[in-house]
Structure formats: C-alpha cells, structure tokens
Amino acid sequence: MTERGIITFIARIEDELTELDQLKERIEEVWGKYKTNGDEFYLDSVALNLHELYSGFEKIFLEVAKEIDENIPEGSSWHRELLDQMALNIKNLRPAVISKASRDILDEYRAFRHVVRNVYAHKYSAQKIAILLENFPADYKKVRREIVSFLQFLEADIE
C-alpha cells in the first residue's frame, strides 16, 4: 500500500471509530432509559444499536483484511474467521489488530448480532442484553484502544 493509501486507510478507520463512539454513547443513554422505566421500545433501540456497533467493528476489520492482509475470509463462518484473523500477529505484515481477549469479547457481540437479525424485536431478552452491557464501557474502551494502537503502528511505518 502506498503512503497515500495508508493515510487514506487510517482516515477511513478514524471516521468509523467516531461513528462507533456516537453509537456507544447512544447505547449507554438508551440503556439507562430502559432501566429507569422498563419501556421495551428502549430495549429494542439498545439491541439495534448493539447490532450496529458490532457491524461497525466488522467494517473496520474487513478494511484491514482487504487493504492490509489482502485476504478476506469466505464461507459460512467468515464472520468468526475474520475476528480470528484480526487477533493474529502476521509475521512481516502486521501486528494483531486486537488481542485474543478482545476477539472473545467481540465474539459475544457477533453472536448477539445474529440474534437481532433473526428474532422478532418483542422477543429480545433484557437479561441477555444486560449481560452484554455489564462490562460494556470497559470492553468498548479496550477494543477501541487496540484499534487506535494498530493505526499508530501504520502511521509510524510511513514516518
């Protein structure tokens, strides 16, 4: 990838992280409203925004797989394989984008996204969402920090 390509790549990922920051805030705000009044419409909103949050991380990972690795997983389990690929340190190419611990965290969100896509909204489980959100601020911060560290690695490579 050329220097310009790397700079553009970094800008696209930073833009996606900004969008994810806004989703994180929205999830926390709406979850608070749900906990306060129990309105299931808030629960629906939290579920949809969690779905979008994971999709945003996956979008970043697809960009890395396409632009850096030049290898996008295929087949029925490509979503899980993509997470595994992002936790790999690929010799002479790049360090891991995320840690194995973050991969495991994100795999829970990946599985939940599947639920959101395949279950009617009125059947979402508040208990399962609460489990996902128990460590949400710290988990989000960890994954985000690792992605930013990866971008810093790329920036150092062009300086």
N, C-alpha and C. Protein backbone atom coordinates (compact mmCIF):
# COMPACT_ATOMS: atom_id res chain seq x y z
N MET A 1 0.85 -1.17 0.00
CA MET A 1 0.00 0.00 0.00
C MET A 1 0.90 1.23 0.00
N THR A 2 0.55 2.22 -0.80
CA THR A 2 1.33 3.44 -0.87
C THR A 2 1.14 4.28 0.39
N GLU A 3 2.01 5.26 0.56
CA GLU A 3 1.87 6.16 1.71
C GLU A 3 0.52 6.85 1.70
N ARG A 4 0.09 7.33 0.54
CA ARG A 4 -1.24 7.96 0.43
C ARG A 4 -2.35 6.98 0.76
N GLY A 5 -2.17 5.75 0.28
CA GLY A 5 -3.17 4.72 0.58
C GLY A 5 -3.29 4.47 2.07
N ILE A 6 -2.15 4.44 2.76
CA ILE A 6 -2.16 4.22 4.21
C ILE A 6 -2.83 5.40 4.92
N ILE A 7 -2.50 6.61 4.49
CA ILE A 7 -3.09 7.80 5.11
C ILE A 7 -4.61 7.80 4.92
N THR A 8 -5.05 7.45 3.73
CA THR A 8 -6.49 7.38 3.44
C THR A 8 -7.14 6.27 4.25
N PHE A 9 -6.49 5.13 4.32
CA PHE A 9 -6.99 4.00 5.10
C PHE A 9 -7.18 4.42 6.56
N ILE A 10 -6.17 5.05 7.13
CA ILE A 10 -6.24 5.50 8.53
C ILE A 10 -7.40 6.46 8.72
N ALA A 11 -7.58 7.39 7.79
CA ALA A 11 -8.68 8.36 7.89
C ALA A 11 -10.04 7.66 7.88
N ARG A 12 -10.18 6.65 7.02
CA ARG A 12 -11.46 5.91 6.96
C ARG A 12 -11.74 5.19 8.28
N ILE A 13 -10.69 4.60 8.86
CA ILE A 13 -10.88 3.88 10.13
C ILE A 13 -11.18 4.87 11.26
N GLU A 14 -10.47 5.99 11.29
CA GLU A 14 -10.75 7.00 12.32
C GLU A 14 -12.17 7.53 12.20
N ASP A 15 -12.66 7.71 10.99
CA ASP A 15 -14.04 8.16 10.79
C ASP A 15 -15.02 7.12 11.32
N GLU A 16 -14.74 5.86 11.06
CA GLU A 16 -15.61 4.79 11.56
C GLU A 16 -15.58 4.75 13.10
N LEU A 17 -14.41 4.97 13.70
CA LEU A 17 -14.32 5.00 15.16
C LEU A 17 -15.14 6.14 15.75
N THR A 18 -15.17 7.27 15.07
CA THR A 18 -16.00 8.39 15.53
C THR A 18 -17.48 8.00 15.53
N GLU A 19 -17.90 7.31 14.47
CA GLU A 19 -19.29 6.82 14.41
C GLU A 19 -19.57 5.85 15.55
N LEU A 20 -18.61 4.97 15.82
CA LEU A 20 -18.79 3.99 16.89
C LEU A 20 -18.84 4.66 18.26
N ASP A 21 -18.08 5.73 18.44
CA ASP A 21 -18.14 6.48 19.70
C ASP A 21 -19.55 7.01 19.93
N GLN A 22 -20.16 7.51 18.87
CA GLN A 22 -21.53 8.03 18.98
C GLN A 22 -22.52 6.91 19.30
N LEU A 23 -22.33 5.76 18.69
CA LEU A 23 -23.19 4.61 18.99
C LEU A 23 -23.04 4.18 20.44
N LYS A 24 -21.80 4.17 20.93
CA LYS A 24 -21.55 3.78 22.33
C LYS A 24 -22.33 4.69 23.28
N GLU A 25 -22.25 6.00 23.02
CA GLU A 25 -22.97 6.95 23.87
C GLU A 25 -24.48 6.72 23.80
N ARG A 26 -24.97 6.46 22.62
CA ARG A 26 -26.40 6.23 22.42
C ARG A 26 -26.84 4.96 23.16
N ILE A 27 -26.05 3.90 23.07
CA ILE A 27 -26.37 2.65 23.76
C ILE A 27 -26.47 2.89 25.26
N GLU A 28 -25.48 3.57 25.81
CA GLU A 28 -25.48 3.82 27.26
C GLU A 28 -26.67 4.69 27.68
N GLU A 29 -26.97 5.71 26.89
CA GLU A 29 -28.08 6.60 27.21
C GLU A 29 -29.42 5.85 27.16
N VAL A 30 -29.64 5.11 26.10
CA VAL A 30 -30.92 4.42 25.93
C VAL A 30 -31.05 3.27 26.92
N TRP A 31 -29.95 2.58 27.24
CA TRP A 31 -30.00 1.53 28.25
C TRP A 31 -30.40 2.12 29.60
N GLY A 32 -29.87 3.28 29.91
CA GLY A 32 -30.25 3.97 31.15
C GLY A 32 -31.74 4.27 31.18
N LYS A 33 -32.29 4.70 30.06
CA LYS A 33 -33.74 4.98 29.98
C LYS A 33 -34.54 3.70 30.15
N TYR A 34 -34.06 2.62 29.54
CA TYR A 34 -34.77 1.34 29.70
C TYR A 34 -34.76 0.91 31.17
N LYS A 35 -33.61 1.01 31.82
CA LYS A 35 -33.52 0.59 33.22
C LYS A 35 -34.40 1.46 34.12
N THR A 36 -34.58 2.72 33.73
CA THR A 36 -35.40 3.63 34.53
C THR A 36 -36.88 3.33 34.42
N ASN A 37 -37.36 3.09 33.20
CA ASN A 37 -38.81 2.94 33.05
C ASN A 37 -39.28 1.61 32.46
N GLY A 38 -38.35 0.76 32.03
CA GLY A 38 -38.74 -0.56 31.53
C GLY A 38 -39.45 -0.58 30.20
N ASP A 39 -39.46 0.54 29.49
CA ASP A 39 -40.14 0.61 28.19
C ASP A 39 -39.39 -0.26 27.18
N GLU A 40 -40.06 -1.26 26.63
CA GLU A 40 -39.40 -2.21 25.73
C GLU A 40 -38.95 -1.57 24.42
N PHE A 41 -39.49 -0.42 24.07
CA PHE A 41 -39.02 0.26 22.87
C PHE A 41 -37.57 0.72 23.05
N TYR A 42 -37.21 1.06 24.28
CA TYR A 42 -35.81 1.39 24.56
C TYR A 42 -34.93 0.14 24.43
N LEU A 43 -35.45 -0.99 24.87
CA LEU A 43 -34.71 -2.23 24.75
C LEU A 43 -34.46 -2.56 23.27
N ASP A 44 -35.47 -2.36 22.44
CA ASP A 44 -35.32 -2.57 21.00
C ASP A 44 -34.22 -1.68 20.44
N SER A 45 -34.20 -0.43 20.88
CA SER A 45 -33.19 0.52 20.42
C SER A 45 -31.79 0.09 20.84
N VAL A 46 -31.65 -0.37 22.07
CA VAL A 46 -30.35 -0.84 22.56
C VAL A 46 -29.87 -2.01 21.70
N ALA A 47 -30.77 -2.95 21.45
CA ALA A 47 -30.41 -4.13 20.66
C ALA A 47 -29.97 -3.72 19.26
N LEU A 48 -30.72 -2.85 18.63
CA LEU A 48 -30.37 -2.41 17.27
C LEU A 48 -29.03 -1.69 17.26
N ASN A 49 -28.80 -0.84 18.26
CA ASN A 49 -27.53 -0.12 18.31
C ASN A 49 -26.35 -1.03 18.63
N LEU A 50 -26.56 -2.06 19.43
CA LEU A 50 -25.50 -3.05 19.65
C LEU A 50 -25.18 -3.79 18.36
N HIS A 51 -26.21 -4.10 17.60
CA HIS A 51 -26.04 -4.72 16.28
C HIS A 51 -25.18 -3.83 15.40
N GLU A 52 -25.50 -2.55 15.36
CA GLU A 52 -24.76 -1.59 14.54
C GLU A 52 -23.33 -1.41 15.04
N LEU A 53 -23.14 -1.44 16.34
CA LEU A 53 -21.80 -1.29 16.90
C LEU A 53 -20.91 -2.44 16.43
N TYR A 54 -21.39 -3.66 16.56
CA TYR A 54 -20.58 -4.78 16.10
C TYR A 54 -20.34 -4.68 14.59
N SER A 55 -21.36 -4.32 13.85
CA SER A 55 -21.21 -4.18 12.39
C SER A 55 -20.14 -3.16 12.05
N GLY A 56 -20.04 -2.09 12.84
CA GLY A 56 -19.01 -1.08 12.62
C GLY A 56 -17.61 -1.64 12.85
N PHE A 57 -17.45 -2.41 13.92
CA PHE A 57 -16.15 -3.05 14.15
C PHE A 57 -15.83 -4.00 13.01
N GLU A 58 -16.81 -4.75 12.58
CA GLU A 58 -16.59 -5.69 11.50
C GLU A 58 -16.21 -4.96 10.21
N LYS A 59 -16.80 -3.81 9.99
CA LYS A 59 -16.45 -3.00 8.81
C LYS A 59 -14.97 -2.61 8.85
N ILE A 60 -14.49 -2.22 10.02
CA ILE A 60 -13.07 -1.90 10.19
C ILE A 60 -12.22 -3.13 9.88
N PHE A 61 -12.60 -4.27 10.42
CA PHE A 61 -11.83 -5.48 10.24
C PHE A 61 -11.82 -5.93 8.77
N LEU A 62 -12.93 -5.73 8.09
CA LEU A 62 -12.97 -6.06 6.66
C LEU A 62 -12.02 -5.16 5.87
N GLU A 63 -11.92 -3.90 6.26
CA GLU A 63 -10.98 -2.99 5.61
C GLU A 63 -9.54 -3.47 5.81
N VAL A 64 -9.22 -3.90 7.04
CA VAL A 64 -7.87 -4.41 7.31
C VAL A 64 -7.62 -5.66 6.47
N ALA A 65 -8.59 -6.57 6.46
CA ALA A 65 -8.43 -7.81 5.71
C ALA A 65 -8.24 -7.53 4.22
N LYS A 66 -8.97 -6.56 3.71
CA LYS A 66 -8.90 -6.24 2.28
C LYS A 66 -7.63 -5.46 1.94
N GLU A 67 -7.37 -4.39 2.66
CA GLU A 67 -6.30 -3.46 2.30
C GLU A 67 -4.92 -3.88 2.80
N ILE A 68 -4.84 -4.47 3.98
CA ILE A 68 -3.55 -4.81 4.56
C ILE A 68 -3.22 -6.29 4.32
N ASP A 69 -4.15 -7.17 4.73
CA ASP A 69 -3.90 -8.61 4.63
C ASP A 69 -4.07 -9.13 3.21
N GLU A 70 -4.90 -8.45 2.44
CA GLU A 70 -5.27 -8.92 1.09
C GLU A 70 -5.83 -10.34 1.15
N ASN A 71 -6.63 -10.58 2.19
CA ASN A 71 -7.20 -11.90 2.40
C ASN A 71 -8.47 -11.78 3.24
N ILE A 72 -9.62 -11.84 2.59
CA ILE A 72 -10.90 -11.77 3.28
C ILE A 72 -11.45 -13.19 3.42
N PRO A 73 -11.74 -13.60 4.66
CA PRO A 73 -12.29 -14.94 4.84
C PRO A 73 -13.59 -15.14 4.06
N GLU A 74 -13.82 -16.38 3.67
CA GLU A 74 -15.02 -16.72 2.92
C GLU A 74 -15.71 -17.90 3.59
N GLY A 75 -16.89 -18.21 3.10
CA GLY A 75 -17.62 -19.37 3.61
C GLY A 75 -18.60 -19.00 4.69
N SER A 76 -19.27 -20.00 5.21
CA SER A 76 -20.36 -19.77 6.16
C SER A 76 -19.89 -19.23 7.51
N SER A 77 -18.64 -19.44 7.87
CA SER A 77 -18.15 -18.96 9.17
C SER A 77 -17.18 -17.79 9.02
N TRP A 78 -17.31 -17.04 7.94
CA TRP A 78 -16.35 -15.97 7.67
C TRP A 78 -16.36 -14.89 8.75
N HIS A 79 -17.52 -14.64 9.40
CA HIS A 79 -17.57 -13.60 10.44
C HIS A 79 -16.64 -13.97 11.60
N ARG A 80 -16.71 -15.20 12.03
CA ARG A 80 -15.86 -15.66 13.14
C ARG A 80 -14.40 -15.72 12.69
N GLU A 81 -14.17 -16.20 11.48
CA GLU A 81 -12.80 -16.28 10.96
C GLU A 81 -12.17 -14.89 10.84
N LEU A 82 -12.97 -13.90 10.50
CA LEU A 82 -12.46 -12.53 10.42
C LEU A 82 -11.98 -12.06 11.78
N LEU A 83 -12.77 -12.33 12.82
CA LEU A 83 -12.34 -11.98 14.18
C LEU A 83 -11.03 -12.69 14.53
N ASP A 84 -10.96 -13.97 14.22
CA ASP A 84 -9.73 -14.72 14.50
C ASP A 84 -8.54 -14.11 13.76
N GLN A 85 -8.75 -13.74 12.51
CA GLN A 85 -7.68 -13.14 11.70
C GLN A 85 -7.19 -11.83 12.30
N MET A 86 -8.10 -11.04 12.84
CA MET A 86 -7.71 -9.75 13.42
C MET A 86 -6.89 -9.92 14.70
N ALA A 87 -7.00 -11.09 15.34
CA ALA A 87 -6.24 -11.35 16.56
C ALA A 87 -4.89 -12.02 16.26
N LEU A 88 -4.58 -12.17 14.97
CA LEU A 88 -3.31 -12.78 14.59
C LEU A 88 -2.22 -11.73 14.39
N ASN A 89 -1.04 -12.06 14.84
CA ASN A 89 0.15 -11.29 14.51
C ASN A 89 0.70 -11.95 13.24
N ILE A 90 0.62 -11.25 12.11
CA ILE A 90 1.03 -11.84 10.84
C ILE A 90 2.46 -11.38 10.55
N LYS A 91 3.37 -12.32 10.65
CA LYS A 91 4.80 -12.05 10.51
C LYS A 91 5.09 -11.29 9.21
N ASN A 92 5.93 -10.27 9.34
CA ASN A 92 6.37 -9.43 8.22
C ASN A 92 5.24 -8.66 7.54
N LEU A 93 4.07 -8.63 8.18
CA LEU A 93 2.96 -7.88 7.59
C LEU A 93 2.38 -6.88 8.57
N ARG A 94 1.91 -7.40 9.70
CA ARG A 94 1.28 -6.51 10.67
C ARG A 94 1.17 -7.20 12.02
N PRO A 95 1.06 -6.39 13.10
CA PRO A 95 0.77 -6.98 14.41
C PRO A 95 -0.73 -7.29 14.48
N ALA A 96 -1.13 -7.97 15.53
CA ALA A 96 -2.56 -8.21 15.75
C ALA A 96 -3.28 -6.86 15.86
N VAL A 97 -4.44 -6.78 15.27
CA VAL A 97 -5.25 -5.56 15.37
C VAL A 97 -5.91 -5.51 16.73
N ILE A 98 -6.37 -6.66 17.21
CA ILE A 98 -6.98 -6.78 18.53
C ILE A 98 -6.37 -7.98 19.25
N SER A 99 -6.47 -7.96 20.56
CA SER A 99 -5.97 -9.08 21.36
C SER A 99 -6.95 -10.25 21.29
N LYS A 100 -6.49 -11.39 21.72
CA LYS A 100 -7.37 -12.56 21.78
C LYS A 100 -8.51 -12.32 22.77
N ALA A 101 -8.23 -11.59 23.84
CA ALA A 101 -9.30 -11.26 24.80
C ALA A 101 -10.36 -10.39 24.14
N SER A 102 -9.95 -9.43 23.34
CA SER A 102 -10.92 -8.58 22.64
C SER A 102 -11.68 -9.38 21.59
N ARG A 103 -10.99 -10.31 20.95
CA ARG A 103 -11.67 -11.19 19.99
C ARG A 103 -12.81 -11.93 20.69
N ASP A 104 -12.53 -12.45 21.89
CA ASP A 104 -13.55 -13.18 22.63
C ASP A 104 -14.71 -12.28 23.03
N ILE A 105 -14.39 -11.06 23.44
CA ILE A 105 -15.43 -10.08 23.78
C ILE A 105 -16.30 -9.80 22.56
N LEU A 106 -15.66 -9.50 21.45
CA LEU A 106 -16.41 -9.17 20.24
C LEU A 106 -17.20 -10.35 19.69
N ASP A 107 -16.73 -11.56 19.96
CA ASP A 107 -17.48 -12.73 19.51
C ASP A 107 -18.85 -12.80 20.18
N GLU A 108 -18.94 -12.33 21.41
CA GLU A 108 -20.24 -12.28 22.09
C GLU A 108 -21.17 -11.28 21.38
N TYR A 109 -20.64 -10.16 20.97
CA TYR A 109 -21.44 -9.17 20.24
C TYR A 109 -21.82 -9.69 18.85
N ARG A 110 -20.91 -10.43 18.24
CA ARG A 110 -21.19 -11.04 16.93
C ARG A 110 -22.37 -11.99 17.05
N ALA A 111 -22.34 -12.82 18.09
CA ALA A 111 -23.43 -13.78 18.31
C ALA A 111 -24.74 -13.04 18.58
N PHE A 112 -24.67 -11.95 19.34
CA PHE A 112 -25.89 -11.18 19.61
C PHE A 112 -26.43 -10.54 18.34
N ARG A 113 -25.54 -10.08 17.47
CA ARG A 113 -25.99 -9.50 16.20
C ARG A 113 -26.81 -10.52 15.43
N HIS A 114 -26.39 -11.77 15.48
CA HIS A 114 -27.14 -12.84 14.81
C HIS A 114 -28.56 -12.94 15.40
N VAL A 115 -28.68 -12.80 16.70
CA VAL A 115 -29.99 -12.83 17.36
C VAL A 115 -30.84 -11.68 16.85
N VAL A 116 -30.27 -10.48 16.81
CA VAL A 116 -31.02 -9.30 16.36
C VAL A 116 -31.53 -9.50 14.94
N ARG A 117 -30.74 -10.13 14.11
CA ARG A 117 -31.13 -10.35 12.71
C ARG A 117 -32.19 -11.43 12.56
N ASN A 118 -32.33 -12.30 13.53
CA ASN A 118 -33.17 -13.48 13.34
C ASN A 118 -34.31 -13.65 14.34
N VAL A 119 -34.48 -12.72 15.27
CA VAL A 119 -35.53 -12.83 16.28
C VAL A 119 -36.39 -11.57 16.21
N TYR A 120 -37.67 -11.73 16.40
CA TYR A 120 -38.55 -10.56 16.45
C TYR A 120 -38.19 -9.69 17.65
N ALA A 121 -38.27 -8.39 17.46
CA ALA A 121 -37.83 -7.44 18.49
C ALA A 121 -38.54 -7.66 19.82
N HIS A 122 -39.81 -8.00 19.80
CA HIS A 122 -40.53 -8.16 21.06
C HIS A 122 -40.08 -9.39 21.85
N LYS A 123 -39.16 -10.17 21.27
CA LYS A 123 -38.64 -11.36 21.96
C LYS A 123 -37.21 -11.18 22.48
N TYR A 124 -36.66 -9.98 22.39
CA TYR A 124 -35.32 -9.75 22.92
C TYR A 124 -35.33 -9.99 24.43
N SER A 125 -34.23 -10.51 24.91
CA SER A 125 -34.10 -10.79 26.33
C SER A 125 -33.34 -9.67 27.02
N ALA A 126 -34.03 -8.99 27.92
CA ALA A 126 -33.37 -7.92 28.68
C ALA A 126 -32.21 -8.47 29.50
N GLN A 127 -32.35 -9.70 30.00
CA GLN A 127 -31.30 -10.30 30.81
C GLN A 127 -30.04 -10.55 29.96
N LYS A 128 -30.21 -11.03 28.73
CA LYS A 128 -29.06 -11.28 27.87
C LYS A 128 -28.38 -9.96 27.46
N ILE A 129 -29.19 -8.96 27.22
CA ILE A 129 -28.62 -7.65 26.88
C ILE A 129 -27.89 -7.08 28.09
N ALA A 130 -28.46 -7.25 29.27
CA ALA A 130 -27.81 -6.76 30.49
C ALA A 130 -26.45 -7.42 30.69
N ILE A 131 -26.35 -8.71 30.37
CA ILE A 131 -25.06 -9.41 30.49
C ILE A 131 -24.04 -8.80 29.53
N LEU A 132 -24.47 -8.52 28.29
CA LEU A 132 -23.57 -7.89 27.32
C LEU A 132 -23.11 -6.52 27.80
N LEU A 133 -24.01 -5.80 28.43
CA LEU A 133 -23.72 -4.41 28.81
C LEU A 133 -23.03 -4.28 30.17
N GLU A 134 -22.92 -5.39 30.88
CA GLU A 134 -22.31 -5.35 32.22
C GLU A 134 -20.93 -4.70 32.19
N ASN A 135 -20.10 -5.09 31.25
CA ASN A 135 -18.74 -4.55 31.15
C ASN A 135 -18.56 -3.70 29.89
N PHE A 136 -19.66 -3.27 29.31
CA PHE A 136 -19.63 -2.60 28.02
C PHE A 136 -18.67 -1.41 27.94
N PRO A 137 -18.71 -0.45 28.86
CA PRO A 137 -17.79 0.70 28.72
C PRO A 137 -16.32 0.28 28.69
N ALA A 138 -15.93 -0.62 29.58
CA ALA A 138 -14.53 -1.06 29.62
C ALA A 138 -14.18 -1.90 28.39
N ASP A 139 -15.10 -2.76 27.96
CA ASP A 139 -14.85 -3.59 26.77
C ASP A 139 -14.70 -2.71 25.54
N TYR A 140 -15.58 -1.75 25.39
CA TYR A 140 -15.52 -0.86 24.24
C TYR A 140 -14.20 -0.10 24.23
N LYS A 141 -13.84 0.43 25.39
CA LYS A 141 -12.60 1.21 25.51
C LYS A 141 -11.38 0.35 25.14
N LYS A 142 -11.37 -0.90 25.58
CA LYS A 142 -10.26 -1.82 25.31
C LYS A 142 -10.12 -2.07 23.81
N VAL A 143 -11.21 -2.43 23.17
CA VAL A 143 -11.17 -2.73 21.73
C VAL A 143 -10.78 -1.48 20.94
N ARG A 144 -11.37 -0.36 21.29
CA ARG A 144 -11.06 0.89 20.59
C ARG A 144 -9.59 1.24 20.73
N ARG A 145 -9.08 1.12 21.95
CA ARG A 145 -7.67 1.43 22.21
C ARG A 145 -6.74 0.55 21.37
N GLU A 146 -7.09 -0.72 21.23
CA GLU A 146 -6.27 -1.63 20.43
C GLU A 146 -6.30 -1.26 18.95
N ILE A 147 -7.43 -0.85 18.45
CA ILE A 147 -7.52 -0.43 17.05
C ILE A 147 -6.71 0.84 16.83
N VAL A 148 -6.80 1.77 17.76
CA VAL A 148 -6.02 3.01 17.66
C VAL A 148 -4.52 2.69 17.70
N SER A 149 -4.11 1.75 18.54
CA SER A 149 -2.69 1.34 18.58
C SER A 149 -2.26 0.76 17.24
N PHE A 150 -3.14 0.01 16.61
CA PHE A 150 -2.84 -0.54 15.29
C PHE A 150 -2.66 0.60 14.27
N LEU A 151 -3.53 1.59 14.34
CA LEU A 151 -3.40 2.74 13.42
C LEU A 151 -2.08 3.48 13.68
N GLN A 152 -1.69 3.58 14.94
CA GLN A 152 -0.41 4.22 15.26
C GLN A 152 0.76 3.44 14.68
N PHE A 153 0.66 2.12 14.69
CA PHE A 153 1.67 1.27 14.06
C PHE A 153 1.77 1.61 12.57
N LEU A 154 0.63 1.74 11.92
CA LEU A 154 0.64 2.07 10.49
C LEU A 154 1.23 3.45 10.23
N GLU A 155 0.88 4.42 11.09
CA GLU A 155 1.41 5.78 10.94
C GLU A 155 2.93 5.79 11.12
N ALA A 156 3.42 5.05 12.09
CA ALA A 156 4.88 5.00 12.34
C ALA A 156 5.61 4.42 11.15
N ASP A 157 4.94 3.55 10.43
CA ASP A 157 5.54 2.90 9.27
C ASP A 157 5.75 3.88 8.11
N ILE A 158 4.99 4.97 8.08
CA ILE A 158 5.12 5.92 6.97
C ILE A 158 5.93 7.15 7.34
N GLU A 159 6.26 7.29 8.61
CA GLU A 159 7.01 8.49 9.03
C GLU A 159 8.50 8.33 8.87
